């Protein structure tokens, strides 16, 4: 079952977000398996991210790549809010 993950950060800026994206691309995880949607939004000093993954397993595998990058860049996350997806409408 698909799940939505809301990541609230304490300090992610446009620059640190761009750095994380570059590091994910370098790690071969710019488009991780199972990610169906990605949005970054919010206060420029505390950006938020919403991802939708097809399975908990694919989400967890991405987290194994993402977390060390966030730690290295200095981005502090609150625990993600995870919810099962009821419906997705595209377009």
PDB file of N, CA and C in Angstrom:
ATOM      1  N   UNK A   1       0.839  -1.182   0.000  1.00  0.00           N
ATOM      2  CA  UNK A   1       0.000   0.000   0.000  1.00  0.00           C
ATOM      3  C   UNK A   1       0.883   1.242   0.000  1.00  0.00           C
ATOM      4  N   UNK A   2       0.503   2.224  -0.789  1.00  0.00           N
ATOM      5  CA  UNK A   2       1.255   3.481  -0.891  1.00  0.00           C
ATOM      6  C   UNK A   2       1.158   4.256   0.422  1.00  0.00           C
ATOM      7  N   UNK A   3       2.176   5.078   0.659  1.00  0.00           N
ATOM      8  CA  UNK A   3       2.155   5.921   1.852  1.00  0.00           C
ATOM      9  C   UNK A   3       2.681   7.300   1.526  1.00  0.00           C
ATOM     10  N   UNK A   4       2.172   8.275   2.265  1.00  0.00           N
ATOM     11  CA  UNK A   4       2.634   9.657   2.140  1.00  0.00           C
ATOM     12  C   UNK A   4       3.508   9.954   3.355  1.00  0.00           C
ATOM     13  N   UNK A   5       4.612  10.636   3.107  1.00  0.00           N
ATOM     14  CA  UNK A   5       5.546  10.998   4.173  1.00  0.00           C
ATOM     15  C   UNK A   5       5.721  12.509   4.167  1.00  0.00           C
ATOM     16  N   UNK A   6       5.403  13.142   5.290  1.00  0.00           N
ATOM     17  CA  UNK A   6       5.608  14.577   5.456  1.00  0.00           C
ATOM     18  C   UNK A   6       6.838  14.774   6.327  1.00  0.00           C
ATOM     19  N   UNK A   7       7.817  15.479   5.775  1.00  0.00           N
ATOM     20  CA  UNK A   7       9.051  15.788   6.496  1.00  0.00           C
ATOM     21  C   UNK A   7       9.042  17.262   6.859  1.00  0.00           C
ATOM     22  N   UNK A   8       9.051  17.557   8.143  1.00  0.00           N
ATOM     23  CA  UNK A   8       9.184  18.935   8.615  1.00  0.00           C
ATOM     24  C   UNK A   8      10.614  19.107   9.111  1.00  0.00           C
ATOM     25  N   UNK A   9      11.280  20.127   8.608  1.00  0.00           N
ATOM     26  CA  UNK A   9      12.667  20.359   9.002  1.00  0.00           C
ATOM     27  C   UNK A   9      12.737  21.519   9.980  1.00  0.00           C
ATOM     28  N   UNK A  10      13.828  21.564  10.689  1.00  0.00           N
ATOM     29  CA  UNK A  10      14.076  22.670  11.613  1.00  0.00           C
ATOM     30  C   UNK A  10      14.927  23.752  10.971  1.00  0.00           C
ATOM     31  N   UNK A  11      15.604  23.410   9.850  1.00  0.00           N
ATOM     32  CA  UNK A  11      16.585  24.365   9.325  1.00  0.00           C
ATOM     33  C   UNK A  11      16.913  24.217   7.842  1.00  0.00           C
ATOM     34  N   UNK A  12      16.129  23.503   7.069  1.00  0.00           N
ATOM     35  CA  UNK A  12      16.495  23.320   5.667  1.00  0.00           C
ATOM     36  C   UNK A  12      16.139  24.561   4.845  1.00  0.00           C
ATOM     37  N   UNK A  13      17.137  25.083   4.158  1.00  0.00           N
ATOM     38  CA  UNK A  13      16.999  26.266   3.304  1.00  0.00           C
ATOM     39  C   UNK A  13      17.028  25.829   1.838  1.00  0.00           C
ATOM     40  N   UNK A  14      16.818  26.786   0.932  1.00  0.00           N
ATOM     41  CA  UNK A  14      16.934  26.481  -0.489  1.00  0.00           C
ATOM     42  C   UNK A  14      18.322  25.926  -0.819  1.00  0.00           C
ATOM     43  N   UNK A  15      19.350  26.514  -0.234  1.00  0.00           N
ATOM     44  CA  UNK A  15      20.722  26.065  -0.519  1.00  0.00           C
ATOM     45  C   UNK A  15      20.973  24.655  -0.003  1.00  0.00           C
ATOM     46  N   UNK A  16      20.555  24.375   1.224  1.00  0.00           N
ATOM     47  CA  UNK A  16      20.792  23.027   1.754  1.00  0.00           C
ATOM     48  C   UNK A  16      19.941  21.994   1.016  1.00  0.00           C
ATOM     49  N   UNK A  17      18.726  22.380   0.618  1.00  0.00           N
ATOM     50  CA  UNK A  17      17.884  21.479  -0.178  1.00  0.00           C
ATOM     51  C   UNK A  17      18.573  21.148  -1.503  1.00  0.00           C
ATOM     52  N   UNK A  18      19.118  22.157  -2.174  1.00  0.00           N
ATOM     53  CA  UNK A  18      19.825  21.934  -3.439  1.00  0.00           C
ATOM     54  C   UNK A  18      21.030  21.024  -3.238  1.00  0.00           C
ATOM     55  N   UNK A  19      21.729  21.196  -2.130  1.00  0.00           N
ATOM     56  CA  UNK A  19      22.879  20.341  -1.825  1.00  0.00           C
ATOM     57  C   UNK A  19      22.442  18.899  -1.620  1.00  0.00           C
ATOM     58  N   UNK A  20      21.352  18.700  -0.888  1.00  0.00           N
ATOM     59  CA  UNK A  20      20.833  17.347  -0.680  1.00  0.00           C
ATOM     60  C   UNK A  20      20.459  16.716  -2.022  1.00  0.00           C
ATOM     61  N   UNK A  21      19.799  17.462  -2.887  1.00  0.00           N
ATOM     62  CA  UNK A  21      19.434  16.922  -4.201  1.00  0.00           C
ATOM     63  C   UNK A  21      20.668  16.527  -5.015  1.00  0.00           C
ATOM     64  N   UNK A  22      21.696  17.362  -4.994  1.00  0.00           N
ATOM     65  CA  UNK A  22      22.939  17.032  -5.715  1.00  0.00           C
ATOM     66  C   UNK A  22      23.581  15.768  -5.145  1.00  0.00           C
ATOM     67  N   UNK A  23      23.595  15.661  -3.832  1.00  0.00           N
ATOM     68  CA  UNK A  23      24.200  14.486  -3.190  1.00  0.00           C
ATOM     69  C   UNK A  23      23.392  13.219  -3.477  1.00  0.00           C
ATOM     70  N   UNK A  24      22.059  13.343  -3.495  1.00  0.00           N
ATOM     71  CA  UNK A  24      21.227  12.190  -3.853  1.00  0.00           C
ATOM     72  C   UNK A  24      21.500  11.755  -5.286  1.00  0.00           C
ATOM     73  N   UNK A  25      21.622  12.715  -6.198  1.00  0.00           N
ATOM     74  CA  UNK A  25      21.922  12.385  -7.597  1.00  0.00           C
ATOM     75  C   UNK A  25      23.266  11.676  -7.706  1.00  0.00           C
ATOM     76  N   UNK A  26      24.263  12.165  -6.977  1.00  0.00           N
ATOM     77  CA  UNK A  26      25.590  11.549  -7.006  1.00  0.00           C
ATOM     78  C   UNK A  26      25.559  10.123  -6.447  1.00  0.00           C
ATOM     79  N   UNK A  27      24.623   9.867  -5.537  1.00  0.00           N
ATOM     80  CA  UNK A  27      24.481   8.538  -4.934  1.00  0.00           C
ATOM     81  C   UNK A  27      23.567   7.635  -5.760  1.00  0.00           C
ATOM     82  N   UNK A  28      23.068   8.142  -6.898  1.00  0.00           N
ATOM     83  CA  UNK A  28      22.178   7.357  -7.737  1.00  0.00           C
ATOM     84  C   UNK A  28      20.760   7.260  -7.194  1.00  0.00           C
ATOM     85  N   UNK A  29      20.382   8.197  -6.316  1.00  0.00           N
ATOM     86  CA  UNK A  29      19.069   8.136  -5.670  1.00  0.00           C
ATOM     87  C   UNK A  29      18.222   9.375  -5.939  1.00  0.00           C
ATOM     88  N   UNK A  30      18.467  10.046  -7.055  1.00  0.00           N
ATOM     89  CA  UNK A  30      17.664  11.227  -7.382  1.00  0.00           C
ATOM     90  C   UNK A  30      16.221  10.843  -7.669  1.00  0.00           C
ATOM     91  N   UNK A  31      16.021   9.670  -8.238  1.00  0.00           N
ATOM     92  CA  UNK A  31      14.680   9.137  -8.514  1.00  0.00           C
ATOM     93  C   UNK A  31      14.608   7.742  -7.905  1.00  0.00           C
ATOM     94  N   UNK A  32      14.427   7.668  -6.582  1.00  0.00           N
ATOM     95  CA  UNK A  32      14.495   6.370  -5.907  1.00  0.00           C
ATOM     96  C   UNK A  32      13.360   5.437  -6.313  1.00  0.00           C
ATOM     97  N   UNK A  33      13.642   4.160  -6.245  1.00  0.00           N
ATOM     98  CA  UNK A  33      12.635   3.150  -6.565  1.00  0.00           C
ATOM     99  C   UNK A  33      11.391   3.372  -5.716  1.00  0.00           C
ATOM    100  N   UNK A  34      10.256   3.393  -6.380  1.00  0.00           N
ATOM    101  CA  UNK A  34       8.988   3.461  -5.674  1.00  0.00           C
ATOM    102  C   UNK A  34       8.478   4.845  -5.331  1.00  0.00           C
ATOM    103  N   UNK A  35       9.311   5.877  -5.521  1.00  0.00           N
ATOM    104  CA  UNK A  35       8.806   7.219  -5.216  1.00  0.00           C
ATOM    105  C   UNK A  35       7.880   7.664  -6.343  1.00  0.00           C
ATOM    106  N   UNK A  36       6.666   8.024  -5.965  1.00  0.00           N
ATOM    107  CA  UNK A  36       5.638   8.395  -6.930  1.00  0.00           C
ATOM    108  C   UNK A  36       5.480   9.903  -7.050  1.00  0.00           C
ATOM    109  N   UNK A  37       5.888  10.629  -6.022  1.00  0.00           N
ATOM    110  CA  UNK A  37       5.699  12.076  -6.003  1.00  0.00           C
ATOM    111  C   UNK A  37       6.661  12.691  -4.998  1.00  0.00           C
ATOM    112  N   UNK A  38       7.118  13.918  -5.311  1.00  0.00           N
ATOM    113  CA  UNK A  38       7.986  14.676  -4.406  1.00  0.00           C
ATOM    114  C   UNK A  38       7.632  16.153  -4.531  1.00  0.00           C
ATOM    115  N   UNK A  39       7.423  16.810  -3.402  1.00  0.00           N
ATOM    116  CA  UNK A  39       7.177  18.249  -3.379  1.00  0.00           C
ATOM    117  C   UNK A  39       7.948  18.852  -2.225  1.00  0.00           C
ATOM    118  N   UNK A  40       8.602  19.975  -2.484  1.00  0.00           N
ATOM    119  CA  UNK A  40       9.272  20.757  -1.445  1.00  0.00           C
ATOM    120  C   UNK A  40       8.583  22.113  -1.396  1.00  0.00           C
ATOM    121  N   UNK A  41       8.284  22.589  -0.178  1.00  0.00           N
ATOM    122  CA  UNK A  41       7.537  23.843  -0.046  1.00  0.00           C
ATOM    123  C   UNK A  41       7.779  24.446   1.338  1.00  0.00           C
ATOM    124  N   UNK A  42       7.292  25.662   1.506  1.00  0.00           N
ATOM    125  CA  UNK A  42       7.234  26.252   2.835  1.00  0.00           C
ATOM    126  C   UNK A  42       8.194  27.390   3.086  1.00  0.00           C
ATOM    127  N   UNK A  43       8.316  27.722   4.354  1.00  0.00           N
ATOM    128  CA  UNK A  43       9.179  28.790   4.845  1.00  0.00           C
ATOM    129  C   UNK A  43      10.605  28.549   4.350  1.00  0.00           C
ATOM    130  N   UNK A  44      11.230  29.523   3.699  1.00  0.00           N
ATOM    131  CA  UNK A  44      12.569  29.325   3.131  1.00  0.00           C
ATOM    132  C   UNK A  44      13.651  28.988   4.152  1.00  0.00           C
ATOM    133  N   UNK A  45      13.383  29.136   5.423  1.00  0.00           N
ATOM    134  CA  UNK A  45      14.374  28.754   6.434  1.00  0.00           C
ATOM    135  C   UNK A  45      14.030  27.421   7.105  1.00  0.00           C
ATOM    136  N   UNK A  46      12.855  26.862   6.794  1.00  0.00           N
ATOM    137  CA  UNK A  46      12.407  25.584   7.366  1.00  0.00           C
ATOM    138  C   UNK A  46      11.556  24.841   6.338  1.00  0.00           C
ATOM    139  N   UNK A  47      12.145  24.561   5.190  1.00  0.00           N
ATOM    140  CA  UNK A  47      11.397  23.904   4.122  1.00  0.00           C
ATOM    141  C   UNK A  47      10.815  22.569   4.586  1.00  0.00           C
ATOM    142  N   UNK A  48       9.726  22.196   3.969  1.00  0.00           N
ATOM    143  CA  UNK A  48       9.075  20.908   4.217  1.00  0.00           C
ATOM    144  C   UNK A  48       9.095  20.106   2.923  1.00  0.00           C
ATOM    145  N   UNK A  49       8.989  18.800   3.063  1.00  0.00           N
ATOM    146  CA  UNK A  49       8.953  17.906   1.907  1.00  0.00           C
ATOM    147  C   UNK A  49       7.820  16.908   2.098  1.00  0.00           C
ATOM    148  N   UNK A  50       7.110  16.652   1.000  1.00  0.00           N
ATOM    149  CA  UNK A  50       6.116  15.590   0.965  1.00  0.00           C
ATOM    150  C   UNK A  50       6.531  14.617  -0.120  1.00  0.00           C
ATOM    151  N   UNK A  51       6.655  13.358   0.245  1.00  0.00           N
ATOM    152  CA  UNK A  51       6.937  12.296  -0.709  1.00  0.00           C
ATOM    153  C   UNK A  51       5.822  11.271  -0.632  1.00  0.00           C
ATOM    154  N   UNK A  52       5.530  10.648  -1.760  1.00  0.00           N
ATOM    155  CA  UNK A  52       4.616   9.513  -1.804  1.00  0.00           C
ATOM    156  C   UNK A  52       5.411   8.336  -2.355  1.00  0.00           C
ATOM    157  N   UNK A  53       5.400   7.232  -1.615  1.00  0.00           N
ATOM    158  CA  UNK A  53       6.087   6.012  -2.019  1.00  0.00           C
ATOM    159  C   UNK A  53       5.080   4.890  -2.200  1.00  0.00           C
ATOM    160  N   UNK A  54       5.409   3.969  -3.084  1.00  0.00           N
ATOM    161  CA  UNK A  54       4.499   2.856  -3.352  1.00  0.00           C
ATOM    162  C   UNK A  54       4.436   1.840  -2.220  1.00  0.00           C
ATOM    163  N   UNK A  55       5.553   1.671  -1.495  1.00  0.00           N
ATOM    164  CA  UNK A  55       5.572   0.706  -0.386  1.00  0.00           C
ATOM    165  C   UNK A  55       6.432   1.241   0.763  1.00  0.00           C
ATOM    166  N   UNK A  56       6.187   0.720   1.929  1.00  0.00           N
ATOM    167  CA  UNK A  56       6.998   1.036   3.107  1.00  0.00           C
ATOM    168  C   UNK A  56       8.447   0.598   2.886  1.00  0.00           C
ATOM    169  N   UNK A  57       8.632  -0.527   2.220  1.00  0.00           N
ATOM    170  CA  UNK A  57       9.976  -1.047   1.977  1.00  0.00           C
ATOM    171  C   UNK A  57      10.805  -0.102   1.110  1.00  0.00           C
ATOM    172  N   UNK A  58      10.211   0.424   0.045  1.00  0.00           N
ATOM    173  CA  UNK A  58      10.939   1.363  -0.809  1.00  0.00           C
ATOM    174  C   UNK A  58      11.219   2.674  -0.078  1.00  0.00           C
ATOM    175  N   UNK A  59      10.277   3.115   0.740  1.00  0.00           N
ATOM    176  CA  UNK A  59      10.497   4.311   1.551  1.00  0.00           C
ATOM    177  C   UNK A  59      11.671   4.091   2.507  1.00  0.00           C
ATOM    178  N   UNK A  60      11.696   2.948   3.178  1.00  0.00           N
ATOM    179  CA  UNK A  60      12.769   2.650   4.131  1.00  0.00           C
ATOM    180  C   UNK A  60      14.126   2.551   3.423  1.00  0.00           C
ATOM    181  N   UNK A  61      14.151   1.959   2.245  1.00  0.00           N
ATOM    182  CA  UNK A  61      15.411   1.845   1.493  1.00  0.00           C
ATOM    183  C   UNK A  61      15.933   3.227   1.117  1.00  0.00           C
ATOM    184  N   UNK A  62      15.052   4.117   0.704  1.00  0.00           N
ATOM    185  CA  UNK A  62      15.466   5.481   0.382  1.00  0.00           C
ATOM    186  C   UNK A  62      16.005   6.182   1.628  1.00  0.00           C
ATOM    187  N   UNK A  63      15.368   5.964   2.751  1.00  0.00           N
ATOM    188  CA  UNK A  63      15.819   6.569   4.007  1.00  0.00           C
ATOM    189  C   UNK A  63      17.246   6.181   4.364  1.00  0.00           C
ATOM    190  N   UNK A  64      17.654   4.966   4.001  1.00  0.00           N
ATOM    191  CA  UNK A  64      19.016   4.518   4.279  1.00  0.00           C
ATOM    192  C   UNK A  64      20.051   5.337   3.505  1.00  0.00           C
ATOM    193  N   UNK A  65      19.664   5.858   2.346  1.00  0.00           N
ATOM    194  CA  UNK A  65      20.543   6.712   1.554  1.00  0.00           C
ATOM    195  C   UNK A  65      20.406   8.170   1.989  1.00  0.00           C
ATOM    196  N   UNK A  66      19.173   8.590   2.223  1.00  0.00           N
ATOM    197  CA  UNK A  66      18.899   9.996   2.532  1.00  0.00           C
ATOM    198  C   UNK A  66      19.458  10.453   3.877  1.00  0.00           C
ATOM    199  N   UNK A  67      19.251   9.670   4.929  1.00  0.00           N
ATOM    200  CA  UNK A  67      19.594  10.140   6.270  1.00  0.00           C
ATOM    201  C   UNK A  67      21.067  10.507   6.435  1.00  0.00           C
ATOM    202  N   UNK A  68      22.005   9.687   5.955  1.00  0.00           N
ATOM    203  CA  UNK A  68      23.410  10.097   6.081  1.00  0.00           C
ATOM    204  C   UNK A  68      23.727  11.399   5.342  1.00  0.00           C
ATOM    205  N   UNK A  69      23.063  11.628   4.221  1.00  0.00           N
ATOM    206  CA  UNK A  69      23.268  12.872   3.475  1.00  0.00           C
ATOM    207  C   UNK A  69      22.737  14.050   4.282  1.00  0.00           C
ATOM    208  N   UNK A  70      21.531  13.913   4.820  1.00  0.00           N
ATOM    209  CA  UNK A  70      20.972  14.980   5.657  1.00  0.00           C
ATOM    210  C   UNK A  70      21.888  15.283   6.838  1.00  0.00           C
ATOM    211  N   UNK A  71      22.377  14.224   7.485  1.00  0.00           N
ATOM    212  CA  UNK A  71      23.276  14.405   8.628  1.00  0.00           C
ATOM    213  C   UNK A  71      24.532  15.164   8.216  1.00  0.00           C
ATOM    214  N   UNK A  72      25.109  14.778   7.083  1.00  0.00           N
ATOM    215  CA  UNK A  72      26.339  15.401   6.616  1.00  0.00           C
ATOM    216  C   UNK A  72      26.128  16.870   6.246  1.00  0.00           C
ATOM    217  N   UNK A  73      24.972  17.179   5.665  1.00  0.00           N
ATOM    218  CA  UNK A  73      24.664  18.553   5.262  1.00  0.00           C
ATOM    219  C   UNK A  73      24.245  19.400   6.464  1.00  0.00           C
ATOM    220  N   UNK A  74      23.815  18.732   7.541  1.00  0.00           N
ATOM    221  CA  UNK A  74      23.400  19.448   8.746  1.00  0.00           C
ATOM    222  C   UNK A  74      21.914  19.769   8.798  1.00  0.00           C
ATOM    223  N   UNK A  75      21.119  19.091   7.964  1.00  0.00           N
ATOM    224  CA  UNK A  75      19.668  19.301   7.983  1.00  0.00           C
ATOM    225  C   UNK A  75      19.079  18.487   9.129  1.00  0.00           C
ATOM    226  N   UNK A  76      18.311  19.173   9.966  1.00  0.00           N
ATOM    227  CA  UNK A  76      17.659  18.521  11.102  1.00  0.00           C
ATOM    228  C   UNK A  76      16.187  18.304  10.780  1.00  0.00           C
ATOM    229  N   UNK A  77      15.767  17.038  10.851  1.00  0.00           N
ATOM    230  CA  UNK A  77      14.383  16.658  10.579  1.00  0.00           C
ATOM    231  C   UNK A  77      13.662  16.309  11.864  1.00  0.00           C
ATOM    232  N   UNK A  78      12.392  16.617  11.893  1.00  0.00           N
ATOM    233  CA  UNK A  78      11.517  16.034  12.907  1.00  0.00           C
ATOM    234  C   UNK A  78      11.157  14.641  12.396  1.00  0.00           C
ATOM    235  N   UNK A  79      10.706  13.751  13.272  1.00  0.00           N
ATOM    236  CA  UNK A  79      10.293  12.433  12.763  1.00  0.00           C
ATOM    237  C   UNK A  79       9.222  12.605  11.686  1.00  0.00           C
ATOM    238  N   UNK A  80       9.324  11.859  10.584  1.00  0.00           N
ATOM    239  CA  UNK A  80       8.344  12.030   9.508  1.00  0.00           C
ATOM    240  C   UNK A  80       6.952  11.593   9.961  1.00  0.00           C
ATOM    241  N   UNK A  81       5.963  12.255   9.395  1.00  0.00           N
ATOM    242  CA  UNK A  81       4.574  11.860   9.609  1.00  0.00           C
ATOM    243  C   UNK A  81       4.212  10.947   8.446  1.00  0.00           C
ATOM    244  N   UNK A  82       3.878   9.710   8.737  1.00  0.00           N
ATOM    245  CA  UNK A  82       3.566   8.707   7.715  1.00  0.00           C
ATOM    246  C   UNK A  82       2.094   8.338   7.790  1.00  0.00           C
ATOM    247  N   UNK A  83       1.444   8.311   6.636  1.00  0.00           N
ATOM    248  CA  UNK A  83       0.037   7.953   6.558  1.00  0.00           C
ATOM    249  C   UNK A  83      -0.191   7.097   5.314  1.00  0.00           C
ATOM    250  N   UNK A  84      -1.064   6.098   5.405  1.00  0.00           N
ATOM    251  CA  UNK A  84      -1.396   5.347   4.191  1.00  0.00           C
ATOM    252  C   UNK A  84      -2.157   6.241   3.216  1.00  0.00           C
ATOM    253  N   UNK A  85      -1.958   5.985   1.941  1.00  0.00           N
ATOM    254  CA  UNK A  85      -2.641   6.760   0.902  1.00  0.00           C
ATOM    255  C   UNK A  85      -3.987   6.096   0.619  1.00  0.00           C
ATOM    256  N   UNK A  86      -5.021   6.915   0.604  1.00  0.00           N
ATOM    257  CA  UNK A  86      -6.364   6.417   0.281  1.00  0.00           C
ATOM    258  C   UNK A  86      -6.617   6.478  -1.217  1.00  0.00           C
ATOM    259  N   UNK A  87      -6.150   7.556  -1.866  1.00  0.00           N
ATOM    260  CA  UNK A  87      -6.436   7.719  -3.292  1.00  0.00           C
ATOM    261  C   UNK A  87      -5.418   8.665  -3.902  1.00  0.00           C
ATOM    262  N   UNK A  88      -5.083   8.435  -5.155  1.00  0.00           N
ATOM    263  CA  UNK A  88      -4.226   9.333  -5.931  1.00  0.00           C
ATOM    264  C   UNK A  88      -4.942   9.645  -7.233  1.00  0.00           C
ATOM    265  N   UNK A  89      -5.078  10.930  -7.535  1.00  0.00           N
ATOM    266  CA  UNK A  89      -5.647  11.374  -8.804  1.00  0.00           C
ATOM    267  C   UNK A  89      -4.560  12.149  -9.527  1.00  0.00           C
ATOM    268  N   UNK A  90      -4.250  11.760 -10.731  1.00  0.00           N
ATOM    269  CA  UNK A  90      -3.202  12.442 -11.501  1.00  0.00           C
ATOM    270  C   UNK A  90      -3.817  13.296 -12.581  1.00  0.00           C
ATOM    271  N   UNK A  91      -3.185  14.466 -12.785  1.00  0.00           N
ATOM    272  CA  UNK A  91      -3.588  15.333 -13.883  1.00  0.00           C
ATOM    273  C   UNK A  91      -4.857  16.104 -13.681  1.00  0.00           C
TER     274      UNK A  91
END
